[in-house]
Amino acid sequence: MNLMFLLLQDPKSQSSWTSLLPLFLILLVFYFFFIMPQTKKNKAQKKFRENLKKGDKVVTIGGIHGKIGEVKEKAVILEVGNSIKMTVEKSAIALDGETIVQQKK
């Protein structure tokens, strides 16, 4: 009898909350699996780039390895070889897993 009552109920009598619940759950999952980790990563990159100092060994996003010779406001001067120096934007300095491990030590 109860099953028949449920089947005969008018679907429009459901509240709008129950119909929007799946959408809210999808947005919540999207936030926790995509937005929050990316925000954390961006904060770590910003902190890393602000703490660059002379003598640090870094890798650019283009794959150039070098040692910081001088730190400017928005750029660094990299020493990449025998008296070869390059000016590189701070935003081009990569933050990789190895760098994070070295910072924690």
Protein backbone atom coordinates (compact mmCIF):
# COMPACT_ATOMS: atom_id res chain seq x y z
CA MET A 1 0.00 0.00 0.00
CA ASN A 2 2.80 2.43 0.88
CA LEU A 3 4.61 1.70 -2.37
CA MET A 4 1.48 2.45 -4.35
CA PHE A 5 1.06 5.72 -2.46
CA LEU A 6 4.63 6.76 -3.33
CA LEU A 7 4.18 5.90 -6.99
CA LEU A 8 0.95 7.86 -7.25
CA GLN A 9 2.36 11.00 -5.65
CA ASP A 10 2.60 14.09 -7.79
CA PRO A 11 6.29 14.71 -8.70
CA LYS A 12 5.69 18.46 -8.55
CA SER A 13 5.01 18.21 -4.85
CA GLN A 14 8.74 17.68 -4.19
CA SER A 15 10.58 20.71 -2.94
CA SER A 16 13.02 22.51 -5.17
CA TRP A 17 15.77 21.75 -2.64
CA THR A 18 15.74 18.03 -3.40
CA SER A 19 15.95 18.66 -7.12
CA LEU A 20 18.95 20.99 -6.65
CA LEU A 21 20.75 18.73 -4.19
CA PRO A 22 22.74 16.81 -6.87
CA LEU A 23 23.95 20.09 -8.36
CA PHE A 24 25.15 21.31 -4.95
CA LEU A 25 26.92 18.02 -4.33
CA ILE A 26 28.69 18.22 -7.70
CA LEU A 27 29.81 21.78 -6.97
CA LEU A 28 31.05 20.75 -3.53
CA VAL A 29 33.08 17.86 -4.94
CA PHE A 30 34.44 20.12 -7.69
CA TYR A 31 35.57 22.65 -5.07
CA PHE A 32 37.33 20.12 -2.83
CA PHE A 33 39.06 18.20 -5.63
CA PHE A 34 39.97 21.01 -8.04
CA ILE A 35 39.72 24.53 -6.66
CA MET A 36 41.12 24.05 -3.15
CA PRO A 37 44.27 22.11 -4.20
CA GLN A 38 45.01 24.64 -6.95
CA THR A 39 44.68 27.51 -4.48
CA LYS A 40 47.08 25.74 -2.12
CA LYS A 41 49.57 25.22 -4.92
CA ASN A 42 49.37 28.88 -5.98
CA LYS A 43 50.03 30.03 -2.40
CA ALA A 44 53.06 27.73 -2.15
CA GLN A 45 54.44 29.06 -5.45
CA LYS A 46 53.97 32.66 -4.37
CA LYS A 47 55.69 32.03 -1.03
CA PHE A 48 58.56 30.22 -2.77
CA ARG A 49 59.11 33.07 -5.24
CA GLU A 50 58.99 35.70 -2.49
CA ASN A 51 61.65 33.82 -0.50
CA LEU A 52 64.19 33.50 -3.33
CA LYS A 53 67.64 34.63 -2.30
CA LYS A 54 71.12 34.86 -3.75
CA GLY A 55 72.81 31.49 -4.07
CA ASP A 56 69.62 29.39 -4.45
CA LYS A 57 69.72 26.78 -7.20
CA VAL A 58 66.55 26.93 -9.29
CA VAL A 59 65.00 25.62 -12.48
CA THR A 60 62.93 27.79 -14.79
CA ILE A 61 59.69 26.61 -16.34
CA GLY A 62 61.65 26.34 -19.59
CA GLY A 63 64.04 23.84 -17.99
CA ILE A 64 67.06 26.12 -17.52
CA HIS A 65 69.07 25.28 -14.41
CA GLY A 66 70.93 28.06 -12.69
CA LYS A 67 72.05 29.73 -9.51
CA ILE A 68 70.54 33.04 -8.44
CA GLY A 69 73.12 35.81 -8.61
CA GLU A 70 70.89 38.75 -7.77
CA VAL A 71 67.24 39.23 -6.79
CA LYS A 72 65.29 42.21 -8.09
CA GLU A 73 61.67 43.21 -7.49
CA LYS A 74 60.12 41.22 -10.35
CA ALA A 75 63.12 39.42 -11.81
CA VAL A 76 66.22 37.47 -10.87
CA ILE A 77 69.61 37.24 -12.52
CA LEU A 78 70.58 33.61 -13.05
CA GLU A 79 74.15 32.42 -13.42
CA VAL A 80 73.82 29.51 -15.82
CA GLY A 81 77.41 28.79 -16.75
CA ASN A 82 80.90 30.20 -17.08
CA SER A 83 80.15 33.91 -16.57
CA ILE A 84 76.84 33.55 -18.43
CA LYS A 85 74.05 35.49 -16.78
CA MET A 86 70.38 35.67 -17.70
CA THR A 87 67.62 37.93 -16.43
CA VAL A 88 64.50 35.88 -15.74
CA GLU A 89 61.09 36.90 -14.39
CA LYS A 90 60.31 35.48 -10.96
CA SER A 91 57.11 34.00 -12.38
CA ALA A 92 59.26 31.80 -14.65
CA ILE A 93 60.92 30.06 -11.70
CA ALA A 94 59.39 26.60 -11.26
CA LEU A 95 58.32 25.08 -7.99
CA ASP A 96 58.75 21.32 -8.09
CA GLY A 97 58.43 18.56 -5.52
CA GLU A 98 62.19 18.40 -4.87
CA THR A 99 62.28 22.09 -3.99
CA ILE A 100 59.46 21.65 -1.47
CA VAL A 101 61.32 18.76 0.20
CA GLN A 102 64.50 20.88 0.44
CA GLN A 103 62.59 23.79 1.98
CA LYS A 104 61.11 21.59 4.73
CA LYS A 105 64.55 20.37 5.89
